[in-house]
């Protein structure tokens, strides 16, 4: 779930996937609440979310951010615990600590040595004390985690600790994002169509996750692990940092391309190219467009809180009400 929906209109959650009759049964929340959001809206937002999950049976992958601002991080974790207790154990599918942490370049000197593992263990202790004793824990990684074998050297000691300390409670989570992969981006009008088609194809995502699965299997030494795709999507209009790409290749950010990517992901049975253990869960990014960290993104299937129609035309040319 995007920050726009969570912070401003959680009473407008979609009940079914756009262009489909399949109900939405899981959400990933980046945070229970954030310090920069309007605190006066928090309780009503949570109550609306509680009503939704109880009516639909939906489960939440609940995040808590790691910003290295101790006061803010402690507050977000406190809110996360409160929301976990409000929703109940049956509606929490897991807890994720931080997002794309391999891209974190502001960590203290001891963070990867022991600071991060100490933080997660503290969160696990809190979860166990609340009765969430077997709730999975994870850290979401970008594709940068796969930059070296088996893992980016920055996170290698952490991953080893996670495997040895938390065992099967630890879940391996990756964001296989073709839109952020510079090797997939068109650099001229001539390669616009071929590059775009390759990036939004299902094979791109399956290839990345097949590689991730092989690395996890080799690292763990068995197929006894859980593998999640925690985020992937496509943006229209263009991400604000990719307007130059859209200028030379309008197809890169048009709504038809978003629909193609979405259709490919929705049709995926989560199997991978080399058989065996596939992906256990997939989260599509996202419900609504959002701006964060100074970057505006059009990943939403719906534009904003005031909109009730999917922003992408159906094959018949009609906007679908969601």
C-alpha atoms as a PDB file:
ATOM      1  CA  UNK A   1       0.000   0.000   0.000  1.00  0.00           C
ATOM      2  CA  UNK A   2       1.338   3.416  -0.994  1.00  0.00           C
ATOM      3  CA  UNK A   3       1.815   6.267   1.473  1.00  0.00           C
ATOM      4  CA  UNK A   4      -0.939   8.304  -0.238  1.00  0.00           C
ATOM      5  CA  UNK A   5      -3.610   5.728   0.601  1.00  0.00           C
ATOM      6  CA  UNK A   6      -2.348   4.805   4.060  1.00  0.00           C
ATOM      7  CA  UNK A   7      -1.915   8.377   5.281  1.00  0.00           C
ATOM      8  CA  UNK A   8      -4.877  10.029   3.574  1.00  0.00           C
ATOM      9  CA  UNK A   9      -7.630   7.666   2.431  1.00  0.00           C
ATOM     10  CA  UNK A  10      -7.433   4.198   3.924  1.00  0.00           C
ATOM     11  CA  UNK A  11     -11.236   4.254   3.799  1.00  0.00           C
ATOM     12  CA  UNK A  12     -10.887   3.904   0.013  1.00  0.00           C
ATOM     13  CA  UNK A  13      -9.018   0.624  -0.187  1.00  0.00           C
ATOM     14  CA  UNK A  14      -9.875  -1.414  -3.258  1.00  0.00           C
ATOM     15  CA  UNK A  15     -11.616  -4.696  -2.615  1.00  0.00           C
ATOM     16  CA  UNK A  16     -10.686  -6.424  -5.874  1.00  0.00           C
ATOM     17  CA  UNK A  17      -7.732  -6.230  -8.217  1.00  0.00           C
ATOM     18  CA  UNK A  18      -8.391  -3.727 -11.037  1.00  0.00           C
ATOM     19  CA  UNK A  19      -9.465  -5.419 -14.293  1.00  0.00           C
ATOM     20  CA  UNK A  20     -10.118  -8.647 -12.387  1.00  0.00           C
ATOM     21  CA  UNK A  21     -12.722 -10.187 -10.128  1.00  0.00           C
ATOM     22  CA  UNK A  22     -10.133 -11.569  -7.733  1.00  0.00           C
ATOM     23  CA  UNK A  23     -10.262 -10.090  -4.207  1.00  0.00           C
ATOM     24  CA  UNK A  24      -7.183  -8.478  -2.685  1.00  0.00           C
ATOM     25  CA  UNK A  25      -6.095 -10.664   0.221  1.00  0.00           C
ATOM     26  CA  UNK A  26      -2.801  -9.125   1.325  1.00  0.00           C
ATOM     27  CA  UNK A  27      -1.160  -5.739   1.715  1.00  0.00           C
ATOM     28  CA  UNK A  28       2.366  -4.595   2.359  1.00  0.00           C
ATOM     29  CA  UNK A  29       2.568  -1.497   4.568  1.00  0.00           C
ATOM     30  CA  UNK A  30       5.853   0.396   4.622  1.00  0.00           C
ATOM     31  CA  UNK A  31       4.985   1.635   8.104  1.00  0.00           C
ATOM     32  CA  UNK A  32       2.072   1.557  10.513  1.00  0.00           C
ATOM     33  CA  UNK A  33       2.373   5.345  10.588  1.00  0.00           C
ATOM     34  CA  UNK A  34       5.091   7.912   9.927  1.00  0.00           C
ATOM     35  CA  UNK A  35       6.058  10.976  11.984  1.00  0.00           C
ATOM     36  CA  UNK A  36       5.483  13.312   9.035  1.00  0.00           C
ATOM     37  CA  UNK A  37       1.858  12.173   8.587  1.00  0.00           C
ATOM     38  CA  UNK A  38      -1.116  13.871  10.252  1.00  0.00           C
ATOM     39  CA  UNK A  39      -1.314  12.227  13.667  1.00  0.00           C
ATOM     40  CA  UNK A  40      -4.974  13.163  14.031  1.00  0.00           C
ATOM     41  CA  UNK A  41      -5.840  10.732  11.210  1.00  0.00           C
ATOM     42  CA  UNK A  42      -3.963   7.725  12.573  1.00  0.00           C
ATOM     43  CA  UNK A  43      -6.646   6.144  14.763  1.00  0.00           C
ATOM     44  CA  UNK A  44      -9.380   6.429  12.139  1.00  0.00           C
ATOM     45  CA  UNK A  45      -7.040   5.032   9.473  1.00  0.00           C
ATOM     46  CA  UNK A  46      -6.201   2.050  11.653  1.00  0.00           C
ATOM     47  CA  UNK A  47      -9.840   1.370  12.502  1.00  0.00           C
ATOM     48  CA  UNK A  48     -10.733   1.419   8.812  1.00  0.00           C
ATOM     49  CA  UNK A  49      -7.889  -0.996   8.083  1.00  0.00           C
ATOM     50  CA  UNK A  50      -9.059  -3.259  10.917  1.00  0.00           C
ATOM     51  CA  UNK A  51     -12.585  -3.335   9.510  1.00  0.00           C
ATOM     52  CA  UNK A  52     -11.209  -4.165   6.071  1.00  0.00           C
ATOM     53  CA  UNK A  53      -9.003  -7.075   7.117  1.00  0.00           C
ATOM     54  CA  UNK A  54     -11.690  -8.538   9.339  1.00  0.00           C
ATOM     55  CA  UNK A  55     -14.264  -8.355   6.528  1.00  0.00           C
ATOM     56  CA  UNK A  56     -11.966  -9.784   3.854  1.00  0.00           C
ATOM     57  CA  UNK A  57      -9.572 -11.995   5.818  1.00  0.00           C
ATOM     58  CA  UNK A  58      -6.666 -10.028   4.356  1.00  0.00           C
ATOM     59  CA  UNK A  59      -3.200 -10.262   5.901  1.00  0.00           C
ATOM     60  CA  UNK A  60      -0.589  -7.538   6.278  1.00  0.00           C
ATOM     61  CA  UNK A  61       3.173  -7.535   5.787  1.00  0.00           C
ATOM     62  CA  UNK A  62       3.826  -4.745   8.249  1.00  0.00           C
ATOM     63  CA  UNK A  63       6.920  -2.612   7.834  1.00  0.00           C
ATOM     64  CA  UNK A  64       8.854  -0.437  10.214  1.00  0.00           C
ATOM     65  CA  UNK A  65      11.342   2.006   8.730  1.00  0.00           C
ATOM     66  CA  UNK A  66      15.012   2.378   9.581  1.00  0.00           C
ATOM     67  CA  UNK A  67      16.079   6.000   9.143  1.00  0.00           C
ATOM     68  CA  UNK A  68      18.849   6.135  11.780  1.00  0.00           C
ATOM     69  CA  UNK A  69      16.862   8.853  13.543  1.00  0.00           C
ATOM     70  CA  UNK A  70      16.483   7.081  16.874  1.00  0.00           C
ATOM     71  CA  UNK A  71      13.439   9.002  18.019  1.00  0.00           C
ATOM     72  CA  UNK A  72      11.544   8.536  14.756  1.00  0.00           C
ATOM     73  CA  UNK A  73      12.522   4.881  14.396  1.00  0.00           C
ATOM     74  CA  UNK A  74      11.456   4.100  17.967  1.00  0.00           C
ATOM     75  CA  UNK A  75       8.144   5.860  17.412  1.00  0.00           C
ATOM     76  CA  UNK A  76       7.466   3.956  14.178  1.00  0.00           C
ATOM     77  CA  UNK A  77       8.211   0.660  15.892  1.00  0.00           C
ATOM     78  CA  UNK A  78       5.906   1.599  18.776  1.00  0.00           C
ATOM     79  CA  UNK A  79       3.140   2.342  16.281  1.00  0.00           C
ATOM     80  CA  UNK A  80       3.859  -0.950  14.500  1.00  0.00           C
ATOM     81  CA  UNK A  81       3.414  -2.881  17.751  1.00  0.00           C
ATOM     82  CA  UNK A  82       0.170  -1.061  18.476  1.00  0.00           C
ATOM     83  CA  UNK A  83      -1.188  -1.852  15.004  1.00  0.00           C
ATOM     84  CA  UNK A  84      -0.142  -5.503  15.295  1.00  0.00           C
ATOM     85  CA  UNK A  85      -2.107  -5.840  18.515  1.00  0.00           C
ATOM     86  CA  UNK A  86      -5.105  -4.043  17.017  1.00  0.00           C
ATOM     87  CA  UNK A  87      -5.262  -6.246  13.919  1.00  0.00           C
ATOM     88  CA  UNK A  88      -4.408  -9.486  15.671  1.00  0.00           C
ATOM     89  CA  UNK A  89      -1.894 -12.192  14.904  1.00  0.00           C
ATOM     90  CA  UNK A  90      -4.107 -13.841  12.281  1.00  0.00           C
ATOM     91  CA  UNK A  91      -3.874 -10.723  10.091  1.00  0.00           C
ATOM     92  CA  UNK A  92      -0.085 -10.198  10.305  1.00  0.00           C
ATOM     93  CA  UNK A  93       1.756 -12.326   7.732  1.00  0.00           C
ATOM     94  CA  UNK A  94       5.147 -10.914   8.685  1.00  0.00           C
ATOM     95  CA  UNK A  95       7.177  -7.906   9.795  1.00  0.00           C
ATOM     96  CA  UNK A  96       9.713  -6.189   7.545  1.00  0.00           C
ATOM     97  CA  UNK A  97      12.444  -4.003   8.993  1.00  0.00           C
ATOM     98  CA  UNK A  98      13.547  -1.267   6.605  1.00  0.00           C
ATOM     99  CA  UNK A  99      13.132  -1.093   2.844  1.00  0.00           C
ATOM    100  CA  UNK A 100      15.873  -1.791   0.281  1.00  0.00           C
ATOM    101  CA  UNK A 101      18.403  -1.598   3.067  1.00  0.00           C
ATOM    102  CA  UNK A 102      21.289  -2.535   0.773  1.00  0.00           C
ATOM    103  CA  UNK A 103      20.918   1.005  -0.650  1.00  0.00           C
ATOM    104  CA  UNK A 104      21.380   2.573   2.780  1.00  0.00           C
ATOM    105  CA  UNK A 105      24.496   4.735   2.619  1.00  0.00           C
ATOM    106  CA  UNK A 106      23.891   6.621   5.878  1.00  0.00           C
ATOM    107  CA  UNK A 107      24.278   3.782   8.337  1.00  0.00           C
ATOM    108  CA  UNK A 108      26.547   4.183  11.408  1.00  0.00           C
ATOM    109  CA  UNK A 109      29.910   2.451  11.216  1.00  0.00           C
ATOM    110  CA  UNK A 110      28.781  -0.520  13.335  1.00  0.00           C
ATOM    111  CA  UNK A 111      25.361  -0.966  11.686  1.00  0.00           C
ATOM    112  CA  UNK A 112      26.166  -3.915   9.428  1.00  0.00           C
ATOM    113  CA  UNK A 113      28.571  -5.475  11.934  1.00  0.00           C
ATOM    114  CA  UNK A 114      26.020  -5.825  14.731  1.00  0.00           C
ATOM    115  CA  UNK A 115      23.752  -2.775  14.973  1.00  0.00           C
ATOM    116  CA  UNK A 116      21.165  -4.051  12.504  1.00  0.00           C
ATOM    117  CA  UNK A 117      21.055  -7.563  13.913  1.00  0.00           C
ATOM    118  CA  UNK A 118      20.712  -6.163  17.437  1.00  0.00           C
ATOM    119  CA  UNK A 119      17.809  -3.982  16.273  1.00  0.00           C
ATOM    120  CA  UNK A 120      15.965  -6.881  14.656  1.00  0.00           C
ATOM    121  CA  UNK A 121      16.533  -9.137  17.649  1.00  0.00           C
ATOM    122  CA  UNK A 122      15.073  -6.421  19.872  1.00  0.00           C
ATOM    123  CA  UNK A 123      12.012  -6.264  17.628  1.00  0.00           C
ATOM    124  CA  UNK A 124      11.693 -10.058  17.719  1.00  0.00           C
ATOM    125  CA  UNK A 125      11.860 -10.023  21.503  1.00  0.00           C
ATOM    126  CA  UNK A 126       9.031  -7.476  21.555  1.00  0.00           C
ATOM    127  CA  UNK A 127       6.998  -9.557  19.086  1.00  0.00           C
ATOM    128  CA  UNK A 128       7.473 -12.718  21.136  1.00  0.00           C
ATOM    129  CA  UNK A 129       6.403 -10.903  24.302  1.00  0.00           C
ATOM    130  CA  UNK A 130       3.188  -9.852  22.510  1.00  0.00           C
ATOM    131  CA  UNK A 131       2.454 -13.414  21.409  1.00  0.00           C
ATOM    132  CA  UNK A 132       3.689 -13.145  17.805  1.00  0.00           C
ATOM    133  CA  UNK A 133       6.135 -15.956  18.445  1.00  0.00           C
ATOM    134  CA  UNK A 134       6.141 -17.527  14.994  1.00  0.00           C
ATOM    135  CA  UNK A 135       5.439 -14.445  12.867  1.00  0.00           C
ATOM    136  CA  UNK A 136       8.065 -14.264  10.094  1.00  0.00           C
ATOM    137  CA  UNK A 137      10.624 -11.471   9.988  1.00  0.00           C
ATOM    138  CA  UNK A 138      12.335 -10.069   6.911  1.00  0.00           C
ATOM    139  CA  UNK A 139      14.420  -7.264   5.456  1.00  0.00           C
ATOM    140  CA  UNK A 140      13.506  -6.096   1.971  1.00  0.00           C
ATOM    141  CA  UNK A 141      16.404  -5.915  -0.481  1.00  0.00           C
ATOM    142  CA  UNK A 142      16.731  -4.237  -3.852  1.00  0.00           C
ATOM    143  CA  UNK A 143      18.426  -5.984  -6.760  1.00  0.00           C
ATOM    144  CA  UNK A 144      21.640  -4.400  -5.487  1.00  0.00           C
ATOM    145  CA  UNK A 145      21.761  -7.183  -2.895  1.00  0.00           C
ATOM    146  CA  UNK A 146      22.561  -9.528  -5.801  1.00  0.00           C
ATOM    147  CA  UNK A 147      25.477  -7.417  -7.061  1.00  0.00           C
ATOM    148  CA  UNK A 148      28.021  -9.951  -5.788  1.00  0.00           C
ATOM    149  CA  UNK A 149      27.793 -13.673  -5.105  1.00  0.00           C
ATOM    150  CA  UNK A 150      25.970 -14.790  -3.148  1.00  0.00           C
ATOM    151  CA  UNK A 151      25.227 -11.323  -1.719  1.00  0.00           C
ATOM    152  CA  UNK A 152      26.525  -7.791  -1.897  1.00  0.00           C
ATOM    153  CA  UNK A 153      29.576  -7.765   0.364  1.00  0.00           C
ATOM    154  CA  UNK A 154      28.015  -5.031   2.499  1.00  0.00           C
ATOM    155  CA  UNK A 155      25.253  -7.341   3.699  1.00  0.00           C
ATOM    156  CA  UNK A 156      27.120 -10.660   3.723  1.00  0.00           C
ATOM    157  CA  UNK A 157      27.801 -10.820   7.461  1.00  0.00           C
ATOM    158  CA  UNK A 158      24.244  -9.763   8.214  1.00  0.00           C
ATOM    159  CA  UNK A 159      22.769 -12.450   5.962  1.00  0.00           C
ATOM    160  CA  UNK A 160      24.939 -15.091   7.593  1.00  0.00           C
ATOM    161  CA  UNK A 161      23.774 -14.013  11.031  1.00  0.00           C
ATOM    162  CA  UNK A 162      20.117 -14.023   9.915  1.00  0.00           C
ATOM    163  CA  UNK A 163      20.419 -17.556   8.554  1.00  0.00           C
ATOM    164  CA  UNK A 164      22.207 -18.929  11.598  1.00  0.00           C
ATOM    165  CA  UNK A 165      20.187 -17.084  14.246  1.00  0.00           C
ATOM    166  CA  UNK A 166      16.600 -16.895  12.980  1.00  0.00           C
ATOM    167  CA  UNK A 167      16.444 -20.006  10.803  1.00  0.00           C
ATOM    168  CA  UNK A 168      13.188 -20.627   8.948  1.00  0.00           C
ATOM    169  CA  UNK A 169      11.527 -17.669  10.660  1.00  0.00           C
ATOM    170  CA  UNK A 170      13.733 -15.514   8.457  1.00  0.00           C
ATOM    171  CA  UNK A 171      12.189 -14.760   5.033  1.00  0.00           C
ATOM    172  CA  UNK A 172      14.162 -13.732   1.937  1.00  0.00           C
ATOM    173  CA  UNK A 173      12.578 -10.709   0.251  1.00  0.00           C
ATOM    174  CA  UNK A 174      13.586  -8.909  -2.946  1.00  0.00           C
ATOM    175  CA  UNK A 175      12.270  -6.127  -5.194  1.00  0.00           C
ATOM    176  CA  UNK A 176      12.955  -7.200  -8.810  1.00  0.00           C
ATOM    177  CA  UNK A 177      12.340  -3.852 -10.503  1.00  0.00           C
ATOM    178  CA  UNK A 178      13.006  -3.651 -14.255  1.00  0.00           C
ATOM    179  CA  UNK A 179      12.083   0.025 -14.268  1.00  0.00           C
ATOM    180  CA  UNK A 180      15.097   0.823 -12.050  1.00  0.00           C
ATOM    181  CA  UNK A 181      17.502  -1.429 -13.966  1.00  0.00           C
ATOM    182  CA  UNK A 182      19.641   0.842 -16.148  1.00  0.00           C
ATOM    183  CA  UNK A 183      20.508  -2.067 -18.440  1.00  0.00           C
ATOM    184  CA  UNK A 184      16.842  -2.312 -19.419  1.00  0.00           C
ATOM    185  CA  UNK A 185      16.332   1.380 -20.123  1.00  0.00           C
ATOM    186  CA  UNK A 186      16.135   2.683 -23.709  1.00  0.00           C
ATOM    187  CA  UNK A 187      18.781   5.255 -24.570  1.00  0.00           C
ATOM    188  CA  UNK A 188      17.507   6.178 -28.031  1.00  0.00           C
ATOM    189  CA  UNK A 189      14.328   6.172 -30.086  1.00  0.00           C
ATOM    190  CA  UNK A 190      15.690   3.213 -32.024  1.00  0.00           C
ATOM    191  CA  UNK A 191      15.776   0.850 -29.054  1.00  0.00           C
ATOM    192  CA  UNK A 192      12.648   2.271 -27.390  1.00  0.00           C
ATOM    193  CA  UNK A 193      10.236  -0.497 -28.304  1.00  0.00           C
ATOM    194  CA  UNK A 194      12.556  -3.470 -27.843  1.00  0.00           C
ATOM    195  CA  UNK A 195      13.914  -2.254 -24.503  1.00  0.00           C
ATOM    196  CA  UNK A 196      10.483  -1.442 -23.128  1.00  0.00           C
ATOM    197  CA  UNK A 197       9.009  -4.746 -24.249  1.00  0.00           C
ATOM    198  CA  UNK A 198      11.885  -6.638 -22.656  1.00  0.00           C
ATOM    199  CA  UNK A 199      11.632  -4.746 -19.387  1.00  0.00           C
ATOM    200  CA  UNK A 200       7.908  -5.330 -18.886  1.00  0.00           C
ATOM    201  CA  UNK A 201       8.019  -8.971 -19.922  1.00  0.00           C
ATOM    202  CA  UNK A 202       7.400 -11.588 -17.257  1.00  0.00           C
ATOM    203  CA  UNK A 203      10.670 -13.259 -18.197  1.00  0.00           C
ATOM    204  CA  UNK A 204      12.690 -10.361 -16.755  1.00  0.00           C
ATOM    205  CA  UNK A 205      11.139 -10.786 -13.313  1.00  0.00           C
ATOM    206  CA  UNK A 206      11.313 -14.576 -13.463  1.00  0.00           C
ATOM    207  CA  UNK A 207      14.999 -14.461 -14.422  1.00  0.00           C
ATOM    208  CA  UNK A 208      15.890 -12.141 -11.534  1.00  0.00           C
ATOM    209  CA  UNK A 209      13.949 -14.214  -9.021  1.00  0.00           C
ATOM    210  CA  UNK A 210      15.311 -17.495 -10.402  1.00  0.00           C
ATOM    211  CA  UNK A 211      18.787 -16.145  -9.724  1.00  0.00           C
ATOM    212  CA  UNK A 212      17.737 -15.038  -6.241  1.00  0.00           C
ATOM    213  CA  UNK A 213      16.199 -18.425  -5.529  1.00  0.00           C
ATOM    214  CA  UNK A 214      19.347 -20.274  -6.606  1.00  0.00           C
ATOM    215  CA  UNK A 215      21.459 -18.053  -4.379  1.00  0.00           C
ATOM    216  CA  UNK A 216      19.189 -18.571  -1.387  1.00  0.00           C
ATOM    217  CA  UNK A 217      19.102 -22.342  -1.927  1.00  0.00           C
ATOM    218  CA  UNK A 218      22.894 -22.483  -2.132  1.00  0.00           C
ATOM    219  CA  UNK A 219      23.239 -20.226   0.891  1.00  0.00           C
ATOM    220  CA  UNK A 220      20.728 -22.117   3.028  1.00  0.00           C
ATOM    221  CA  UNK A 221      21.748 -25.512   1.718  1.00  0.00           C
ATOM    222  CA  UNK A 222      18.178 -26.652   1.094  1.00  0.00           C
ATOM    223  CA  UNK A 223      14.772 -25.585  -0.206  1.00  0.00           C
ATOM    224  CA  UNK A 224      13.585 -24.974   3.351  1.00  0.00           C
ATOM    225  CA  UNK A 225      13.083 -21.222   3.092  1.00  0.00           C
ATOM    226  CA  UNK A 226      10.431 -18.642   2.164  1.00  0.00           C
ATOM    227  CA  UNK A 227      10.924 -16.313  -0.819  1.00  0.00           C
ATOM    228  CA  UNK A 228       8.858 -13.154  -1.331  1.00  0.00           C
ATOM    229  CA  UNK A 229       8.690 -10.552  -4.089  1.00  0.00           C
ATOM    230  CA  UNK A 230       7.917  -7.580  -1.891  1.00  0.00           C
ATOM    231  CA  UNK A 231       7.530  -4.916  -4.575  1.00  0.00           C
ATOM    232  CA  UNK A 232       7.458  -4.436  -8.327  1.00  0.00           C
ATOM    233  CA  UNK A 233       5.436  -2.230 -10.636  1.00  0.00           C
ATOM    234  CA  UNK A 234       5.503   0.254 -13.488  1.00  0.00           C
ATOM    235  CA  UNK A 235       5.000   4.016 -13.578  1.00  0.00           C
ATOM    236  CA  UNK A 236       2.750   6.226 -15.706  1.00  0.00           C
ATOM    237  CA  UNK A 237       3.290   9.132 -15.771  1.00  0.00           C
ATOM    238  CA  UNK A 238       7.043   8.674 -15.688  1.00  0.00           C
ATOM    239  CA  UNK A 239       8.939   8.677 -12.432  1.00  0.00           C
ATOM    240  CA  UNK A 240      10.192  12.239 -11.987  1.00  0.00           C
ATOM    241  CA  UNK A 241      13.796  11.030 -12.315  1.00  0.00           C
ATOM    242  CA  UNK A 242      13.038   9.341 -15.670  1.00  0.00           C
ATOM    243  CA  UNK A 243      11.444  12.155 -17.650  1.00  0.00           C
ATOM    244  CA  UNK A 244      14.453  12.168 -19.994  1.00  0.00           C
ATOM    245  CA  UNK A 245      13.818   8.500 -20.798  1.00  0.00           C
ATOM    246  CA  UNK A 246      10.132   9.150 -21.430  1.00  0.00           C
ATOM    247  CA  UNK A 247      11.030  12.075 -23.686  1.00  0.00           C
ATOM    248  CA  UNK A 248      13.015   9.890 -26.091  1.00  0.00           C
ATOM    249  CA  UNK A 249      10.740   6.873 -25.587  1.00  0.00           C
ATOM    250  CA  UNK A 250       7.117   7.819 -24.832  1.00  0.00           C
ATOM    251  CA  UNK A 251       6.189   4.132 -24.708  1.00  0.00           C
ATOM    252  CA  UNK A 252       8.312   3.763 -21.562  1.00  0.00           C
ATOM    253  CA  UNK A 253       5.745   5.646 -19.473  1.00  0.00           C
ATOM    254  CA  UNK A 254       2.452   5.275 -21.309  1.00  0.00           C
ATOM    255  CA  UNK A 255      -0.555   3.604 -19.740  1.00  0.00           C
ATOM    256  CA  UNK A 256      -0.568   0.746 -22.229  1.00  0.00           C
ATOM    257  CA  UNK A 257       2.889  -0.260 -20.984  1.00  0.00           C
ATOM    258  CA  UNK A 258       1.662  -0.159 -17.389  1.00  0.00           C
ATOM    259  CA  UNK A 259      -1.249  -2.380 -18.345  1.00  0.00           C
ATOM    260  CA  UNK A 260       1.060  -4.849 -20.118  1.00  0.00           C
ATOM    261  CA  UNK A 261       3.329  -5.090 -17.076  1.00  0.00           C
ATOM    262  CA  UNK A 262       0.357  -5.418 -14.729  1.00  0.00           C
ATOM    263  CA  UNK A 263      -1.277  -8.073 -16.912  1.00  0.00           C
ATOM    264  CA  UNK A 264       1.965 -10.067 -17.018  1.00  0.00           C
ATOM    265  CA  UNK A 265       2.377  -9.935 -13.249  1.00  0.00           C
ATOM    266  CA  UNK A 266      -1.268 -10.804 -12.582  1.00  0.00           C
ATOM    267  CA  UNK A 267      -0.961 -13.832 -14.849  1.00  0.00           C
ATOM    268  CA  UNK A 268       2.146 -15.162 -13.113  1.00  0.00           C
ATOM    269  CA  UNK A 269       1.688 -18.436 -11.250  1.00  0.00           C
ATOM    270  CA  UNK A 270       4.863 -17.624  -9.221  1.00  0.00           C
ATOM    271  CA  UNK A 271       6.794 -20.503 -10.742  1.00  0.00           C
ATOM    272  CA  UNK A 272      10.422 -19.929 -11.744  1.00  0.00           C
ATOM    273  CA  UNK A 273      12.500 -21.014 -14.711  1.00  0.00           C
ATOM    274  CA  UNK A 274      14.454 -23.830 -13.123  1.00  0.00           C
ATOM    275  CA  UNK A 275      11.695 -25.741 -11.330  1.00  0.00           C
ATOM    276  CA  UNK A 276      11.483 -26.533  -7.659  1.00  0.00           C
ATOM    277  CA  UNK A 277      10.793 -23.835  -5.114  1.00  0.00           C
ATOM    278  CA  UNK A 278       9.145 -20.825  -6.756  1.00  0.00           C
ATOM    279  CA  UNK A 279       8.117 -17.506  -5.218  1.00  0.00           C
ATOM    280  CA  UNK A 280       5.883 -17.838  -2.174  1.00  0.00           C
ATOM    281  CA  UNK A 281       4.195 -14.434  -2.369  1.00  0.00           C
ATOM    282  CA  UNK A 282       4.115 -11.395  -4.645  1.00  0.00           C
ATOM    283  CA  UNK A 283       3.120  -7.791  -3.858  1.00  0.00           C
ATOM    284  CA  UNK A 284       2.214  -5.472  -6.740  1.00  0.00           C
ATOM    285  CA  UNK A 285       3.282  -1.833  -6.336  1.00  0.00           C
ATOM    286  CA  UNK A 286       0.953  -0.008  -5.897  1.00  0.00           C
ATOM    287  CA  UNK A 287      -2.623   1.159  -5.230  1.00  0.00           C
ATOM    288  CA  UNK A 288      -2.172   4.925  -5.794  1.00  0.00           C
ATOM    289  CA  UNK A 289       0.476   7.324  -7.089  1.00  0.00           C
ATOM    290  CA  UNK A 290       2.707   8.884  -4.445  1.00  0.00           C
ATOM    291  CA  UNK A 291       5.537  11.345  -3.902  1.00  0.00           C
ATOM    292  CA  UNK A 292       8.223  10.590  -1.340  1.00  0.00           C
ATOM    293  CA  UNK A 293      11.818  11.596  -0.688  1.00  0.00           C
ATOM    294  CA  UNK A 294      11.440  14.310  -3.339  1.00  0.00           C
ATOM    295  CA  UNK A 295      10.553  11.797  -6.089  1.00  0.00           C
ATOM    296  CA  UNK A 296       7.063  11.554  -7.588  1.00  0.00           C
ATOM    297  CA  UNK A 297       6.024   8.174  -8.968  1.00  0.00           C
ATOM    298  CA  UNK A 298       3.038   7.046 -11.013  1.00  0.00           C
ATOM    299  CA  UNK A 299       3.018   3.386  -9.970  1.00  0.00           C
ATOM    300  CA  UNK A 300      -0.575   3.499  -8.768  1.00  0.00           C
ATOM    301  CA  UNK A 301      -3.425   1.738 -10.487  1.00  0.00           C
ATOM    302  CA  UNK A 302      -5.478   4.675  -9.203  1.00  0.00           C
ATOM    303  CA  UNK A 303      -4.203   8.263  -9.384  1.00  0.00           C
ATOM    304  CA  UNK A 304      -5.160   9.806  -6.040  1.00  0.00           C
ATOM    305  CA  UNK A 305      -7.500   9.750  -3.048  1.00  0.00           C
ATOM    306  CA  UNK A 306     -10.234  11.604  -4.927  1.00  0.00           C
ATOM    307  CA  UNK A 307     -10.295   9.047  -7.744  1.00  0.00           C
ATOM    308  CA  UNK A 308     -12.466   5.930  -7.863  1.00  0.00           C
ATOM    309  CA  UNK A 309     -11.562   4.669 -11.344  1.00  0.00           C
ATOM    310  CA  UNK A 310      -8.525   2.695 -12.392  1.00  0.00           C
ATOM    311  CA  UNK A 311      -6.398   5.092 -14.443  1.00  0.00           C
ATOM    312  CA  UNK A 312      -5.779   2.444 -17.120  1.00  0.00           C
ATOM    313  CA  UNK A 313      -8.353   1.749 -19.808  1.00  0.00           C
ATOM    314  CA  UNK A 314      -9.729  -1.732 -20.090  1.00  0.00           C
ATOM    315  CA  UNK A 315      -9.285  -3.493 -23.452  1.00  0.00           C
ATOM    316  CA  UNK A 316     -12.768  -2.185 -24.348  1.00  0.00           C
ATOM    317  CA  UNK A 317     -11.606   1.384 -23.765  1.00  0.00           C
ATOM    318  CA  UNK A 318     -13.575   1.956 -20.576  1.00  0.00           C
ATOM    319  CA  UNK A 319     -12.123   2.939 -17.225  1.00  0.00           C
ATOM    320  CA  UNK A 320     -12.888   0.374 -14.564  1.00  0.00           C
ATOM    321  CA  UNK A 321     -14.417   1.555 -11.324  1.00  0.00           C
ATOM    322  CA  UNK A 322     -12.558   0.147  -8.333  1.00  0.00           C
END
